[in-house]
């Protein structure tokens, strides 16, 4: 990844579609797909879940 990479860039690189996640966290904080990443950041994705 380049120095200007965003969460969205990582998702595209890993071929993870928008239907595979509902929440994004970067370093334990809520983030958006356009959040810029720094060296060593941790990205966590939470998938949609169903229940009732």
C-alpha atoms as a PDB file:
ATOM      1  CA  UNK A   1       0.000   0.000   0.000  1.00  0.00           C
ATOM      2  CA  UNK A   2       1.084   3.548  -0.603  1.00  0.00           C
ATOM      3  CA  UNK A   3       1.432   6.348   1.952  1.00  0.00           C
ATOM      4  CA  UNK A   4      -2.018   7.742   1.074  1.00  0.00           C
ATOM      5  CA  UNK A   5      -3.854   4.431   1.493  1.00  0.00           C
ATOM      6  CA  UNK A   6      -7.374   4.405   2.879  1.00  0.00           C
ATOM      7  CA  UNK A   7      -9.484   1.643   4.372  1.00  0.00           C
ATOM      8  CA  UNK A   8     -11.285   1.463   1.031  1.00  0.00           C
ATOM      9  CA  UNK A   9      -7.961   0.806  -0.740  1.00  0.00           C
ATOM     10  CA  UNK A  10      -7.286  -2.121   1.594  1.00  0.00           C
ATOM     11  CA  UNK A  11     -10.788  -3.515   1.082  1.00  0.00           C
ATOM     12  CA  UNK A  12     -10.334  -3.359  -2.699  1.00  0.00           C
ATOM     13  CA  UNK A  13      -6.865  -4.933  -2.494  1.00  0.00           C
ATOM     14  CA  UNK A  14      -8.284  -7.828  -0.461  1.00  0.00           C
ATOM     15  CA  UNK A  15     -11.379  -8.078  -2.682  1.00  0.00           C
ATOM     16  CA  UNK A  16     -13.765  -7.494   0.249  1.00  0.00           C
ATOM     17  CA  UNK A  17     -17.112  -6.169  -0.967  1.00  0.00           C
ATOM     18  CA  UNK A  18     -19.350  -3.700   0.851  1.00  0.00           C
ATOM     19  CA  UNK A  19     -21.812  -6.477   1.664  1.00  0.00           C
ATOM     20  CA  UNK A  20     -19.166  -8.256   3.798  1.00  0.00           C
ATOM     21  CA  UNK A  21     -19.012  -5.662   6.590  1.00  0.00           C
ATOM     22  CA  UNK A  22     -21.234  -3.264   8.514  1.00  0.00           C
ATOM     23  CA  UNK A  23     -18.708  -1.633  10.853  1.00  0.00           C
ATOM     24  CA  UNK A  24     -15.083  -0.643  10.401  1.00  0.00           C
ATOM     25  CA  UNK A  25     -12.637   0.091  13.195  1.00  0.00           C
ATOM     26  CA  UNK A  26      -9.083   1.393  12.861  1.00  0.00           C
ATOM     27  CA  UNK A  27      -6.975   0.963  15.990  1.00  0.00           C
ATOM     28  CA  UNK A  28     -10.127   0.303  18.020  1.00  0.00           C
ATOM     29  CA  UNK A  29     -11.965   3.457  16.881  1.00  0.00           C
ATOM     30  CA  UNK A  30     -14.946   3.651  14.567  1.00  0.00           C
ATOM     31  CA  UNK A  31     -13.809   4.540  11.033  1.00  0.00           C
ATOM     32  CA  UNK A  32     -15.173   5.122   7.558  1.00  0.00           C
ATOM     33  CA  UNK A  33     -14.019   3.641   4.250  1.00  0.00           C
ATOM     34  CA  UNK A  34     -12.278   6.933   3.370  1.00  0.00           C
ATOM     35  CA  UNK A  35     -10.209   6.927   6.596  1.00  0.00           C
ATOM     36  CA  UNK A  36      -6.511   7.343   5.795  1.00  0.00           C
ATOM     37  CA  UNK A  37      -4.199   4.701   7.222  1.00  0.00           C
ATOM     38  CA  UNK A  38      -0.755   5.041   8.760  1.00  0.00           C
ATOM     39  CA  UNK A  39       2.024   2.475   9.026  1.00  0.00           C
ATOM     40  CA  UNK A  40       1.108  -0.120  11.657  1.00  0.00           C
ATOM     41  CA  UNK A  41      -2.636   0.672  11.836  1.00  0.00           C
ATOM     42  CA  UNK A  42      -4.958  -2.226  12.599  1.00  0.00           C
ATOM     43  CA  UNK A  43      -8.189  -2.506  10.613  1.00  0.00           C
ATOM     44  CA  UNK A  44     -11.092  -4.566  11.966  1.00  0.00           C
ATOM     45  CA  UNK A  45     -14.279  -5.354  10.056  1.00  0.00           C
ATOM     46  CA  UNK A  46     -17.513  -6.549  11.601  1.00  0.00           C
ATOM     47  CA  UNK A  47     -19.814  -8.531   9.317  1.00  0.00           C
ATOM     48  CA  UNK A  48     -23.580  -8.119   9.166  1.00  0.00           C
ATOM     49  CA  UNK A  49     -25.341 -10.536  11.454  1.00  0.00           C
ATOM     50  CA  UNK A  50     -28.890 -11.747  11.582  1.00  0.00           C
ATOM     51  CA  UNK A  51     -30.973 -13.009  14.365  1.00  0.00           C
ATOM     52  CA  UNK A  52     -34.197 -12.591  16.006  1.00  0.00           C
END
